[in-house]
Amino acid sequence: MSKKDIIKTIRNYAVILLLHLIKQQAENRTTRSWEVSIRNSVREIQRENKRRKAGGSYLTPEELLETLEEAYLNALDEASLEVEEGRYDPEELEQFINKDEILNRALALISLP
C-alpha cells in the first residue's frame, strides 16, 4: 500500500473520529456508541500509521495533525446532519465548538500508546 493510500485511509477514519468528538462537544454529552466509535477509529488510525517492517510511523505528529485538519470539514458536514437532529448547518454548528480543542484531543488520543 502506498503512502498516499495510507493517508487516505487515515483521513477516512479521522472523519469518523472527529465526527463523534464534534458531537460530544456540541451536545455536551456522550453515548456508549460514540465512545466505541472513537476508540475503534483511534485503533484503526494507529494500526494504519504503524510501519510493520521498518518500525516507526508513516506520518509524523505534524502530518497527522494536517490530516486531521483535512478531515475536519467533512466531519463537520456530517455532524451538522446529526447534532440536534440536523438543526444546524455546518457554519452554525461551528459556532458551538472549538475546532482547535477537537483537533488537539483527536491527536492526543491517536498519540497514546
Protein backbone atom coordinates (compact mmCIF):
# COMPACT_ATOMS: atom_id res chain seq x y z
CA MET A 1 0.00 0.00 0.00
CA SER A 2 1.40 3.39 -0.96
CA LYS A 3 1.79 6.24 1.50
CA LYS A 4 -0.95 8.11 -0.39
CA ASP A 5 -3.34 5.19 0.21
CA ILE A 6 -2.39 5.07 3.88
CA ILE A 7 -3.05 8.79 4.28
CA LYS A 8 -6.44 8.38 2.57
CA THR A 9 -7.38 5.54 4.91
CA ILE A 10 -6.24 7.50 7.96
CA ARG A 11 -8.24 10.52 6.77
CA ASN A 12 -11.37 8.38 6.40
CA TYR A 13 -11.05 7.12 9.98
CA ALA A 14 -10.23 10.67 11.11
CA VAL A 15 -13.59 11.87 9.75
CA ILE A 16 -15.37 9.32 11.94
CA LEU A 17 -13.24 10.20 14.96
CA LEU A 18 -13.79 13.94 14.54
CA LEU A 19 -17.49 13.50 13.85
CA HIS A 20 -18.01 11.98 17.28
CA LEU A 21 -15.72 14.44 19.05
CA ILE A 22 -17.68 17.30 17.45
CA LYS A 23 -20.98 15.75 18.52
CA GLN A 24 -19.70 15.28 22.08
CA GLN A 25 -18.65 18.90 22.33
CA ALA A 26 -21.70 20.37 20.57
CA GLU A 27 -24.21 18.37 22.59
CA ASN A 28 -22.17 18.38 25.81
CA ARG A 29 -22.79 14.67 26.25
CA THR A 30 -21.61 11.29 25.01
CA THR A 31 -23.05 7.88 24.32
CA ARG A 32 -21.55 4.41 24.54
CA SER A 33 -21.87 4.15 20.77
CA TRP A 34 -19.86 7.34 20.24
CA GLU A 35 -17.20 6.17 22.71
CA VAL A 36 -16.85 2.84 20.91
CA SER A 37 -16.63 4.58 17.54
CA ILE A 38 -13.95 6.93 18.88
CA ARG A 39 -11.90 4.02 20.28
CA ASN A 40 -12.25 1.99 17.08
CA SER A 41 -11.25 4.95 14.89
CA VAL A 42 -8.21 5.66 17.06
CA ARG A 43 -7.12 2.00 16.89
CA GLU A 44 -7.51 1.90 13.12
CA ILE A 45 -5.56 5.13 12.65
CA GLN A 46 -2.79 3.81 14.90
CA ARG A 47 -2.75 0.49 13.02
CA GLU A 48 -2.62 2.14 9.59
CA ASN A 49 0.10 4.58 10.67
CA LYS A 50 2.41 1.88 12.03
CA ARG A 51 5.25 0.72 9.80
CA ARG A 52 5.32 -3.04 10.14
CA LYS A 53 8.75 -3.98 8.82
CA ALA A 54 10.74 -0.76 9.15
CA GLY A 55 9.28 0.28 12.50
CA GLY A 56 8.12 3.76 13.38
CA SER A 57 5.23 5.58 11.74
CA TYR A 58 4.27 6.66 8.26
CA LEU A 59 3.06 10.07 9.43
CA THR A 60 4.76 12.36 11.92
CA PRO A 61 2.60 14.10 14.56
CA GLU A 62 2.66 17.21 12.35
CA GLU A 63 1.46 15.22 9.33
CA LEU A 64 -1.21 13.55 11.45
CA LEU A 65 -2.47 16.96 12.55
CA GLU A 66 -2.53 18.11 8.93
CA THR A 67 -4.54 15.01 8.00
CA LEU A 68 -6.97 15.70 10.86
CA GLU A 69 -7.36 19.28 9.64
CA GLU A 70 -8.13 17.98 6.14
CA ALA A 71 -10.79 15.63 7.57
CA TYR A 72 -12.35 18.29 9.80
CA LEU A 73 -14.69 19.90 7.24
CA ASN A 74 -16.10 16.54 6.17
CA ALA A 75 -16.67 15.63 9.82
CA LEU A 76 -18.33 18.99 10.46
CA ASP A 77 -20.65 18.46 7.48
CA GLU A 78 -21.66 15.03 8.76
CA ALA A 79 -22.06 16.27 12.34
CA SER A 80 -24.37 19.03 11.15
CA LEU A 81 -26.77 16.31 9.97
CA GLU A 82 -26.74 14.59 13.36
CA VAL A 83 -26.39 17.22 16.09
CA GLU A 84 -29.83 18.07 17.42
CA GLU A 85 -31.41 16.16 14.53
CA GLY A 86 -29.79 18.28 11.83
CA ARG A 87 -30.92 21.60 13.25
CA TYR A 88 -27.74 23.50 12.25
CA ASP A 89 -25.86 23.89 9.01
CA PRO A 90 -22.07 23.40 9.27
CA GLU A 91 -21.32 27.11 9.68
CA GLU A 92 -23.83 27.46 12.51
CA LEU A 93 -22.61 24.29 14.21
CA GLU A 94 -19.04 25.54 14.10
CA GLN A 95 -20.07 28.45 16.35
CA PHE A 96 -20.78 25.97 19.16
CA ILE A 97 -17.49 24.10 19.06
CA ASN A 98 -13.79 24.74 19.47
CA LYS A 99 -12.01 23.38 16.39
CA ASP A 100 -8.51 23.55 17.89
CA GLU A 101 -9.61 21.75 21.03
CA ILE A 102 -11.22 18.97 18.99
CA LEU A 103 -8.19 18.56 16.72
CA ASN A 104 -5.80 18.52 19.68
CA ARG A 105 -7.94 15.97 21.52
CA ALA A 106 -8.01 13.74 18.44
CA LEU A 107 -4.23 13.98 18.05
CA ALA A 108 -3.73 13.21 21.75
CA LEU A 109 -5.95 10.12 21.50
CA ILE A 110 -4.08 8.88 18.45
CA SER A 111 -0.72 9.51 20.10
CA LEU A 112 -1.50 7.42 23.19
CA PRO A 113 0.40 4.12 23.28
